[in-house]
Amino acid sequence: AVIGGGNSGVEAAIDLAGIVEHVTLIEFDTKLRADQ
């Protein structure tokens, strides 16, 4: 899992997806804050 939906969190999730079986991103807000 990746905690955080800002740029660093979404970038981490993208990078990890190429390595791990599955990645789940958890965001406290109702929407992600990362660049579209």
PDB file of all heavy atoms in Angstrom:
ATOM      1  N   ALA A   1       0.847  -1.187   0.000  1.00  0.00           N
ATOM      2  CA  ALA A   1       0.000   0.000   0.000  1.00  0.00           C
ATOM      3  C   ALA A   1       0.883   1.238   0.000  1.00  0.00           C
ATOM      4  O   ALA A   1       2.003   1.216   0.507  1.00  0.00           O
ATOM      5  CB  ALA A   1      -0.919   0.013   1.215  1.00  0.00           C
ATOM      6  N   VAL A   2       0.381   2.310  -0.568  1.00  0.00           N
ATOM      7  CA  VAL A   2       1.016   3.618  -0.489  1.00  0.00           C
ATOM      8  C   VAL A   2       0.043   4.547   0.221  1.00  0.00           C
ATOM      9  O   VAL A   2      -1.137   4.611  -0.133  1.00  0.00           O
ATOM     10  CB  VAL A   2       1.357   4.181  -1.885  1.00  0.00           C
ATOM     11  CG1 VAL A   2       1.827   5.630  -1.776  1.00  0.00           C
ATOM     12  CG2 VAL A   2       2.405   3.330  -2.563  1.00  0.00           C
ATOM     13  N   ILE A   3       0.530   5.273   1.221  1.00  0.00           N
ATOM     14  CA  ILE A   3      -0.303   6.217   1.964  1.00  0.00           C
ATOM     15  C   ILE A   3      -0.007   7.618   1.458  1.00  0.00           C
ATOM     16  O   ILE A   3       1.120   8.098   1.568  1.00  0.00           O
ATOM     17  CB  ILE A   3      -0.023   6.144   3.484  1.00  0.00           C
ATOM     18  CG1 ILE A   3      -0.010   4.695   3.964  1.00  0.00           C
ATOM     19  CG2 ILE A   3      -1.047   6.967   4.254  1.00  0.00           C
ATOM     20  CD1 ILE A   3      -1.293   3.948   3.745  1.00  0.00           C
ATOM     21  N   GLY A   4      -1.015   8.280   0.884  1.00  0.00           N
ATOM     22  CA  GLY A   4      -0.843   9.642   0.405  1.00  0.00           C
ATOM     23  C   GLY A   4      -1.150   9.789  -1.063  1.00  0.00           C
ATOM     24  O   GLY A   4      -0.620   9.060  -1.899  1.00  0.00           O
ATOM     25  N   GLY A   5      -2.008  10.766  -1.390  1.00  0.00           N
ATOM     26  CA  GLY A   5      -2.436  10.959  -2.771  1.00  0.00           C
ATOM     27  C   GLY A   5      -1.895  12.199  -3.435  1.00  0.00           C
ATOM     28  O   GLY A   5      -2.448  12.666  -4.434  1.00  0.00           O
ATOM     29  N   GLY A   6      -0.797  12.751  -2.894  1.00  0.00           N
ATOM     30  CA  GLY A   6      -0.119  13.856  -3.571  1.00  0.00           C
ATOM     31  C   GLY A   6       0.795  13.329  -4.653  1.00  0.00           C
ATOM     32  O   GLY A   6       0.785  12.134  -4.973  1.00  0.00           O
ATOM     33  N   ASN A   7       1.601  14.209  -5.228  1.00  0.00           N
ATOM     34  CA  ASN A   7       2.499  13.795  -6.311  1.00  0.00           C
ATOM     35  C   ASN A   7       3.439  12.676  -5.874  1.00  0.00           C
ATOM     36  O   ASN A   7       3.640  11.703  -6.601  1.00  0.00           O
ATOM     37  CB  ASN A   7       3.315  14.994  -6.797  1.00  0.00           C
ATOM     38  CG  ASN A   7       2.526  15.889  -7.745  1.00  0.00           C
ATOM     39  OD1 ASN A   7       1.433  15.542  -8.175  1.00  0.00           O
ATOM     40  ND2 ASN A   7       3.075  17.040  -8.051  1.00  0.00           N
ATOM     41  N   SER A   8       4.035  12.804  -4.678  1.00  0.00           N
ATOM     42  CA  SER A   8       4.995  11.791  -4.239  1.00  0.00           C
ATOM     43  C   SER A   8       4.318  10.446  -4.038  1.00  0.00           C
ATOM     44  O   SER A   8       4.886   9.398  -4.369  1.00  0.00           O
ATOM     45  CB  SER A   8       5.697  12.238  -2.959  1.00  0.00           C
ATOM     46  OG  SER A   8       4.761  12.443  -1.914  1.00  0.00           O
ATOM     47  N   GLY A   9       3.093  10.450  -3.498  1.00  0.00           N
ATOM     48  CA  GLY A   9       2.376   9.198  -3.276  1.00  0.00           C
ATOM     49  C   GLY A   9       1.995   8.507  -4.568  1.00  0.00           C
ATOM     50  O   GLY A   9       2.182   7.291  -4.717  1.00  0.00           O
ATOM     51  N   VAL A  10       1.468   9.269  -5.516  1.00  0.00           N
ATOM     52  CA  VAL A  10       1.047   8.680  -6.795  1.00  0.00           C
ATOM     53  C   VAL A  10       2.260   8.224  -7.599  1.00  0.00           C
ATOM     54  O   VAL A  10       2.240   7.151  -8.221  1.00  0.00           O
ATOM     55  CB  VAL A  10       0.190   9.684  -7.592  1.00  0.00           C
ATOM     56  CG1 VAL A  10      -0.111   9.143  -8.992  1.00  0.00           C
ATOM     57  CG2 VAL A  10      -1.110   9.973  -6.852  1.00  0.00           C
ATOM     58  N   GLU A  11       3.348   9.009  -7.570  1.00  0.00           N
ATOM     59  CA  GLU A  11       4.568   8.584  -8.259  1.00  0.00           C
ATOM     60  C   GLU A  11       5.102   7.288  -7.661  1.00  0.00           C
ATOM     61  O   GLU A  11       5.551   6.389  -8.393  1.00  0.00           O
ATOM     62  CB  GLU A  11       5.625   9.687  -8.154  1.00  0.00           C
ATOM     63  CG  GLU A  11       5.348  10.888  -9.039  1.00  0.00           C
ATOM     64  CD  GLU A  11       6.324  12.023  -8.799  1.00  0.00           C
ATOM     65  OE1 GLU A  11       7.109  11.928  -7.820  1.00  0.00           O
ATOM     66  OE2 GLU A  11       6.307  12.990  -9.567  1.00  0.00           O
ATOM     67  N   ALA A  12       5.040   7.177  -6.337  1.00  0.00           N
ATOM     68  CA  ALA A  12       5.498   5.945  -5.678  1.00  0.00           C
ATOM     69  C   ALA A  12       4.652   4.759  -6.098  1.00  0.00           C
ATOM     70  O   ALA A  12       5.171   3.671  -6.368  1.00  0.00           O
ATOM     71  CB  ALA A  12       5.448   6.128  -4.161  1.00  0.00           C
ATOM     72  N   ALA A  13       3.341   4.952  -6.158  1.00  0.00           N
ATOM     73  CA  ALA A  13       2.441   3.865  -6.542  1.00  0.00           C
ATOM     74  C   ALA A  13       2.705   3.411  -7.976  1.00  0.00           C
ATOM     75  O   ALA A  13       2.697   2.206  -8.275  1.00  0.00           O
ATOM     76  CB  ALA A  13       0.993   4.315  -6.386  1.00  0.00           C
ATOM     77  N   ILE A  14       2.958   4.363  -8.875  1.00  0.00           N
ATOM     78  CA  ILE A  14       3.256   4.028 -10.271  1.00  0.00           C
ATOM     79  C   ILE A  14       4.554   3.227 -10.351  1.00  0.00           C
ATOM     80  O   ILE A  14       4.633   2.205 -11.045  1.00  0.00           O
ATOM     81  CB  ILE A  14       3.353   5.314 -11.120  1.00  0.00           C
ATOM     82  CG1 ILE A  14       1.980   5.987 -11.220  1.00  0.00           C
ATOM     83  CG2 ILE A  14       3.907   5.006 -12.508  1.00  0.00           C
ATOM     84  CD1 ILE A  14       2.025   7.379 -11.832  1.00  0.00           C
ATOM     85  N   ASP A  15       5.583   3.689  -9.639  1.00  0.00           N
ATOM     86  CA  ASP A  15       6.873   2.985  -9.650  1.00  0.00           C
ATOM     87  C   ASP A  15       6.732   1.572  -9.090  1.00  0.00           C
ATOM     88  O   ASP A  15       7.253   0.596  -9.662  1.00  0.00           O
ATOM     89  CB  ASP A  15       7.907   3.760  -8.828  1.00  0.00           C
ATOM     90  CG  ASP A  15       8.343   5.046  -9.507  1.00  0.00           C
ATOM     91  OD1 ASP A  15       8.072   5.187 -10.714  1.00  0.00           O
ATOM     92  OD2 ASP A  15       8.943   5.900  -8.834  1.00  0.00           O
ATOM     93  N   LEU A  16       6.040   1.442  -7.968  1.00  0.00           N
ATOM     94  CA  LEU A  16       5.896   0.145  -7.313  1.00  0.00           C
ATOM     95  C   LEU A  16       5.075  -0.829  -8.147  1.00  0.00           C
ATOM     96  O   LEU A  16       5.309  -2.043  -8.109  1.00  0.00           O
ATOM     97  CB  LEU A  16       5.250   0.327  -5.938  1.00  0.00           C
ATOM     98  CG  LEU A  16       6.141   0.998  -4.883  1.00  0.00           C
ATOM     99  CD1 LEU A  16       5.302   1.432  -3.682  1.00  0.00           C
ATOM    100  CD2 LEU A  16       7.251   0.054  -4.447  1.00  0.00           C
ATOM    101  N   ALA A  17       4.118  -0.312  -8.909  1.00  0.00           N
ATOM    102  CA  ALA A  17       3.258  -1.182  -9.719  1.00  0.00           C
ATOM    103  C   ALA A  17       4.062  -2.004 -10.728  1.00  0.00           C
ATOM    104  O   ALA A  17       3.639  -3.095 -11.131  1.00  0.00           O
ATOM    105  CB  ALA A  17       2.200  -0.350 -10.432  1.00  0.00           C
ATOM    106  N   GLY A  18       5.223  -1.490 -11.115  1.00  0.00           N
ATOM    107  CA  GLY A  18       6.069  -2.225 -12.048  1.00  0.00           C
ATOM    108  C   GLY A  18       6.866  -3.331 -11.385  1.00  0.00           C
ATOM    109  O   GLY A  18       7.527  -4.107 -12.073  1.00  0.00           O
ATOM    110  N   ILE A  19       6.809  -3.427 -10.052  1.00  0.00           N
ATOM    111  CA  ILE A  19       7.594  -4.403  -9.299  1.00  0.00           C
ATOM    112  C   ILE A  19       6.721  -5.389  -8.551  1.00  0.00           C
ATOM    113  O   ILE A  19       6.944  -6.601  -8.590  1.00  0.00           O
ATOM    114  CB  ILE A  19       8.518  -3.681  -8.285  1.00  0.00           C
ATOM    115  CG1 ILE A  19       9.433  -2.684  -8.994  1.00  0.00           C
ATOM    116  CG2 ILE A  19       9.312  -4.686  -7.456  1.00  0.00           C
ATOM    117  CD1 ILE A  19      10.179  -1.776  -8.047  1.00  0.00           C
ATOM    118  N   VAL A  20       5.708  -4.867  -7.870  1.00  0.00           N
ATOM    119  CA  VAL A  20       4.927  -5.679  -6.937  1.00  0.00           C
ATOM    120  C   VAL A  20       3.750  -6.349  -7.641  1.00  0.00           C
ATOM    121  O   VAL A  20       3.418  -6.039  -8.795  1.00  0.00           O
ATOM    122  CB  VAL A  20       4.405  -4.811  -5.767  1.00  0.00           C
ATOM    123  CG1 VAL A  20       5.567  -4.145  -5.062  1.00  0.00           C
ATOM    124  CG2 VAL A  20       3.394  -3.767  -6.257  1.00  0.00           C
ATOM    125  N   GLU A  21       3.089  -7.268  -6.906  1.00  0.00           N
ATOM    126  CA  GLU A  21       1.894  -7.919  -7.457  1.00  0.00           C
ATOM    127  C   GLU A  21       0.742  -6.931  -7.564  1.00  0.00           C
ATOM    128  O   GLU A  21       0.043  -6.869  -8.579  1.00  0.00           O
ATOM    129  CB  GLU A  21       1.483  -9.096  -6.562  1.00  0.00           C
ATOM    130  CG  GLU A  21       0.190  -9.771  -7.035  1.00  0.00           C
ATOM    131  CD  GLU A  21      -0.320 -10.808  -6.045  1.00  0.00           C
ATOM    132  OE1 GLU A  21       0.492 -11.301  -5.224  1.00  0.00           O
ATOM    133  OE2 GLU A  21      -1.529 -11.125  -6.087  1.00  0.00           O
ATOM    134  N   HIS A  22       0.536  -6.156  -6.494  1.00  0.00           N
ATOM    135  CA  HIS A  22      -0.559  -5.184  -6.482  1.00  0.00           C
ATOM    136  C   HIS A  22      -0.241  -4.058  -5.513  1.00  0.00           C
ATOM    137  O   HIS A  22       0.345  -4.277  -4.452  1.00  0.00           O
ATOM    138  CB  HIS A  22      -1.873  -5.861  -6.071  1.00  0.00           C
ATOM    139  CG  HIS A  22      -3.079  -4.986  -6.281  1.00  0.00           C
ATOM    140  ND1 HIS A  22      -3.511  -4.087  -5.331  1.00  0.00           N
ATOM    141  CD2 HIS A  22      -3.929  -4.865  -7.337  1.00  0.00           C
ATOM    142  CE1 HIS A  22      -4.580  -3.460  -5.790  1.00  0.00           C
ATOM    143  NE2 HIS A  22      -4.858  -3.918  -7.008  1.00  0.00           N
ATOM    144  N   VAL A  23      -0.615  -2.845  -5.894  1.00  0.00           N
ATOM    145  CA  VAL A  23      -0.419  -1.677  -5.026  1.00  0.00           C
ATOM    146  C   VAL A  23      -1.765  -0.983  -4.811  1.00  0.00           C
ATOM    147  O   VAL A  23      -2.532  -0.782  -5.763  1.00  0.00           O
ATOM    148  CB  VAL A  23       0.613  -0.692  -5.618  1.00  0.00           C
ATOM    149  CG1 VAL A  23       0.208  -0.212  -7.001  1.00  0.00           C
ATOM    150  CG2 VAL A  23       0.812   0.491  -4.682  1.00  0.00           C
ATOM    151  N   THR A  24      -2.051  -0.664  -3.558  1.00  0.00           N
ATOM    152  CA  THR A  24      -3.270   0.068  -3.199  1.00  0.00           C
ATOM    153  C   THR A  24      -2.881   1.416  -2.630  1.00  0.00           C
ATOM    154  O   THR A  24      -2.096   1.496  -1.678  1.00  0.00           O
ATOM    155  CB  THR A  24      -4.094  -0.696  -2.141  1.00  0.00           C
ATOM    156  OG1 THR A  24      -4.412  -1.993  -2.640  1.00  0.00           O
ATOM    157  CG2 THR A  24      -5.371   0.055  -1.822  1.00  0.00           C
ATOM    158  N   LEU A  25      -3.398   2.483  -3.221  1.00  0.00           N
ATOM    159  CA  LEU A  25      -3.114   3.825  -2.728  1.00  0.00           C
ATOM    160  C   LEU A  25      -4.247   4.278  -1.816  1.00  0.00           C
ATOM    161  O   LEU A  25      -5.422   4.217  -2.187  1.00  0.00           O
ATOM    162  CB  LEU A  25      -2.946   4.804  -3.884  1.00  0.00           C
ATOM    163  CG  LEU A  25      -2.480   6.211  -3.499  1.00  0.00           C
ATOM    164  CD1 LEU A  25      -1.511   6.771  -4.529  1.00  0.00           C
ATOM    165  CD2 LEU A  25      -3.654   7.174  -3.334  1.00  0.00           C
ATOM    166  N   ILE A  26      -3.892   4.737  -0.616  1.00  0.00           N
ATOM    167  CA  ILE A  26      -4.869   5.196   0.375  1.00  0.00           C
ATOM    168  C   ILE A  26      -4.768   6.710   0.512  1.00  0.00           C
ATOM    169  O   ILE A  26      -3.686   7.237   0.819  1.00  0.00           O
ATOM    170  CB  ILE A  26      -4.614   4.547   1.764  1.00  0.00           C
ATOM    171  CG1 ILE A  26      -4.541   3.020   1.651  1.00  0.00           C
ATOM    172  CG2 ILE A  26      -5.664   4.993   2.759  1.00  0.00           C
ATOM    173  CD1 ILE A  26      -5.856   2.368   1.355  1.00  0.00           C
ATOM    174  N   GLU A  27      -5.870   7.426   0.308  1.00  0.00           N
ATOM    175  CA  GLU A  27      -5.891   8.884   0.423  1.00  0.00           C
ATOM    176  C   GLU A  27      -6.965   9.318   1.429  1.00  0.00           C
ATOM    177  O   GLU A  27      -8.103   8.845   1.379  1.00  0.00           O
ATOM    178  CB  GLU A  27      -6.156   9.515  -0.944  1.00  0.00           C
ATOM    179  CG  GLU A  27      -6.555  10.979  -0.930  1.00  0.00           C
ATOM    180  CD  GLU A  27      -5.519  11.877  -0.251  1.00  0.00           C
ATOM    181  OE1 GLU A  27      -4.304  11.608  -0.357  1.00  0.00           O
ATOM    182  OE2 GLU A  27      -5.936  12.858   0.391  1.00  0.00           O
ATOM    183  N   PHE A  28      -6.591  10.202   2.334  1.00  0.00           N
ATOM    184  CA  PHE A  28      -7.507  10.693   3.371  1.00  0.00           C
ATOM    185  C   PHE A  28      -8.643  11.534   2.783  1.00  0.00           C
ATOM    186  O   PHE A  28      -9.792  11.444   3.215  1.00  0.00           O
ATOM    187  CB  PHE A  28      -6.707  11.523   4.386  1.00  0.00           C
ATOM    188  CG  PHE A  28      -7.526  12.075   5.518  1.00  0.00           C
ATOM    189  CD1 PHE A  28      -7.841  11.285   6.611  1.00  0.00           C
ATOM    190  CD2 PHE A  28      -7.966  13.388   5.499  1.00  0.00           C
ATOM    191  CE1 PHE A  28      -8.593  11.791   7.668  1.00  0.00           C
ATOM    192  CE2 PHE A  28      -8.713  13.907   6.542  1.00  0.00           C
ATOM    193  CZ  PHE A  28      -9.027  13.103   7.634  1.00  0.00           C
ATOM    194  N   ASP A  29      -8.342  12.347   1.784  1.00  0.00           N
ATOM    195  CA  ASP A  29      -9.324  13.246   1.183  1.00  0.00           C
ATOM    196  C   ASP A  29     -10.270  12.481   0.252  1.00  0.00           C
ATOM    197  O   ASP A  29     -10.089  11.294  -0.005  1.00  0.00           O
ATOM    198  CB  ASP A  29      -8.599  14.344   0.410  1.00  0.00           C
ATOM    199  CG  ASP A  29      -9.429  15.611   0.272  1.00  0.00           C
ATOM    200  OD1 ASP A  29     -10.635  15.576   0.578  1.00  0.00           O
ATOM    201  OD2 ASP A  29      -8.870  16.641  -0.157  1.00  0.00           O
ATOM    202  N   THR A  30     -11.256  13.187  -0.269  1.00  0.00           N
ATOM    203  CA  THR A  30     -12.227  12.558  -1.169  1.00  0.00           C
ATOM    204  C   THR A  30     -11.685  12.417  -2.591  1.00  0.00           C
ATOM    205  O   THR A  30     -12.309  11.770  -3.426  1.00  0.00           O
ATOM    206  CB  THR A  30     -13.523  13.380  -1.216  1.00  0.00           C
ATOM    207  OG1 THR A  30     -13.206  14.738  -1.566  1.00  0.00           O
ATOM    208  CG2 THR A  30     -14.224  13.359   0.142  1.00  0.00           C
ATOM    209  N   LYS A  31     -10.537  13.047  -2.864  1.00  0.00           N
ATOM    210  CA  LYS A  31      -9.928  12.931  -4.187  1.00  0.00           C
ATOM    211  C   LYS A  31      -8.421  13.054  -4.066  1.00  0.00           C
ATOM    212  O   LYS A  31      -7.891  13.554  -3.066  1.00  0.00           O
ATOM    213  CB  LYS A  31     -10.465  14.005  -5.140  1.00  0.00           C
ATOM    214  CG  LYS A  31     -10.207  15.420  -4.658  1.00  0.00           C
ATOM    215  CD  LYS A  31     -10.801  16.432  -5.621  1.00  0.00           C
ATOM    216  CE  LYS A  31     -10.546  17.860  -5.128  1.00  0.00           C
ATOM    217  NZ  LYS A  31     -11.140  18.867  -6.048  1.00  0.00           N
ATOM    218  N   LEU A  32      -7.720  12.570  -5.083  1.00  0.00           N
ATOM    219  CA  LEU A  32      -6.269  12.679  -5.093  1.00  0.00           C
ATOM    220  C   LEU A  32      -5.857  14.129  -5.355  1.00  0.00           C
ATOM    221  O   LEU A  32      -6.579  14.894  -5.996  1.00  0.00           O
ATOM    222  CB  LEU A  32      -5.676  11.767  -6.166  1.00  0.00           C
ATOM    223  CG  LEU A  32      -6.005  10.273  -6.058  1.00  0.00           C
ATOM    224  CD1 LEU A  32      -5.247   9.497  -7.133  1.00  0.00           C
ATOM    225  CD2 LEU A  32      -5.670   9.735  -4.679  1.00  0.00           C
ATOM    226  N   ARG A  33      -4.672  14.497  -4.858  1.00  0.00           N
ATOM    227  CA  ARG A  33      -4.169  15.862  -5.031  1.00  0.00           C
ATOM    228  C   ARG A  33      -3.035  15.935  -6.049  1.00  0.00           C
ATOM    229  O   ARG A  33      -2.519  17.015  -6.320  1.00  0.00           O
ATOM    230  CB  ARG A  33      -3.680  16.406  -3.683  1.00  0.00           C
ATOM    231  CG  ARG A  33      -4.791  16.592  -2.665  1.00  0.00           C
ATOM    232  CD  ARG A  33      -4.253  16.775  -1.247  1.00  0.00           C
ATOM    233  NE  ARG A  33      -3.800  15.498  -0.692  1.00  0.00           N
ATOM    234  CZ  ARG A  33      -2.540  15.188  -0.475  1.00  0.00           C
ATOM    235  NH1 ARG A  33      -1.588  16.035  -0.764  1.00  0.00           N
ATOM    236  NH2 ARG A  33      -2.203  14.011   0.040  1.00  0.00           N
ATOM    237  N   ALA A  34      -2.643  14.804  -6.593  1.00  0.00           N
ATOM    238  CA  ALA A  34      -1.527  14.762  -7.534  1.00  0.00           C
ATOM    239  C   ALA A  34      -1.907  15.395  -8.870  1.00  0.00           C
ATOM    240  O   ALA A  34      -3.092  15.564  -9.190  1.00  0.00           O
ATOM    241  CB  ALA A  34      -1.089  13.316  -7.756  1.00  0.00           C
ATOM    242  N   ASP A  35      -0.883  15.749  -9.661  1.00  0.00           N
ATOM    243  CA  ASP A  35      -1.114  16.287 -11.000  1.00  0.00           C
ATOM    244  C   ASP A  35      -1.939  15.302 -11.803  1.00  0.00           C
ATOM    245  O   ASP A  35      -1.778  14.079 -11.677  1.00  0.00           O
ATOM    246  CB  ASP A  35       0.218  16.537 -11.710  1.00  0.00           C
ATOM    247  CG  ASP A  35       1.048  17.631 -11.026  1.00  0.00           C
ATOM    248  OD1 ASP A  35       0.467  18.406 -10.245  1.00  0.00           O
ATOM    249  OD2 ASP A  35       2.258  17.675 -11.277  1.00  0.00           O
ATOM    250  N   GLN A  36      -2.812  15.823 -12.667  1.00  0.00           N
ATOM    251  CA  GLN A  36      -3.743  14.978 -13.405  1.00  0.00           C
ATOM    252  C   GLN A  36      -3.032  13.955 -14.279  1.00  0.00           C
ATOM    253  O   GLN A  36      -3.478  12.813 -14.416  1.00  0.00           O
ATOM    254  CB  GLN A  36      -4.672  15.829 -14.267  1.00  0.00           C
ATOM    255  CG  GLN A  36      -5.855  15.058 -14.867  1.00  0.00           C
ATOM    256  CD  GLN A  36      -6.728  14.418 -13.797  1.00  0.00           C
ATOM    257  OE1 GLN A  36      -7.121  15.075 -12.839  1.00  0.00           O
ATOM    258  NE2 GLN A  36      -7.044  13.136 -13.958  1.00  0.00           N
TER     259      GLN A  36
END
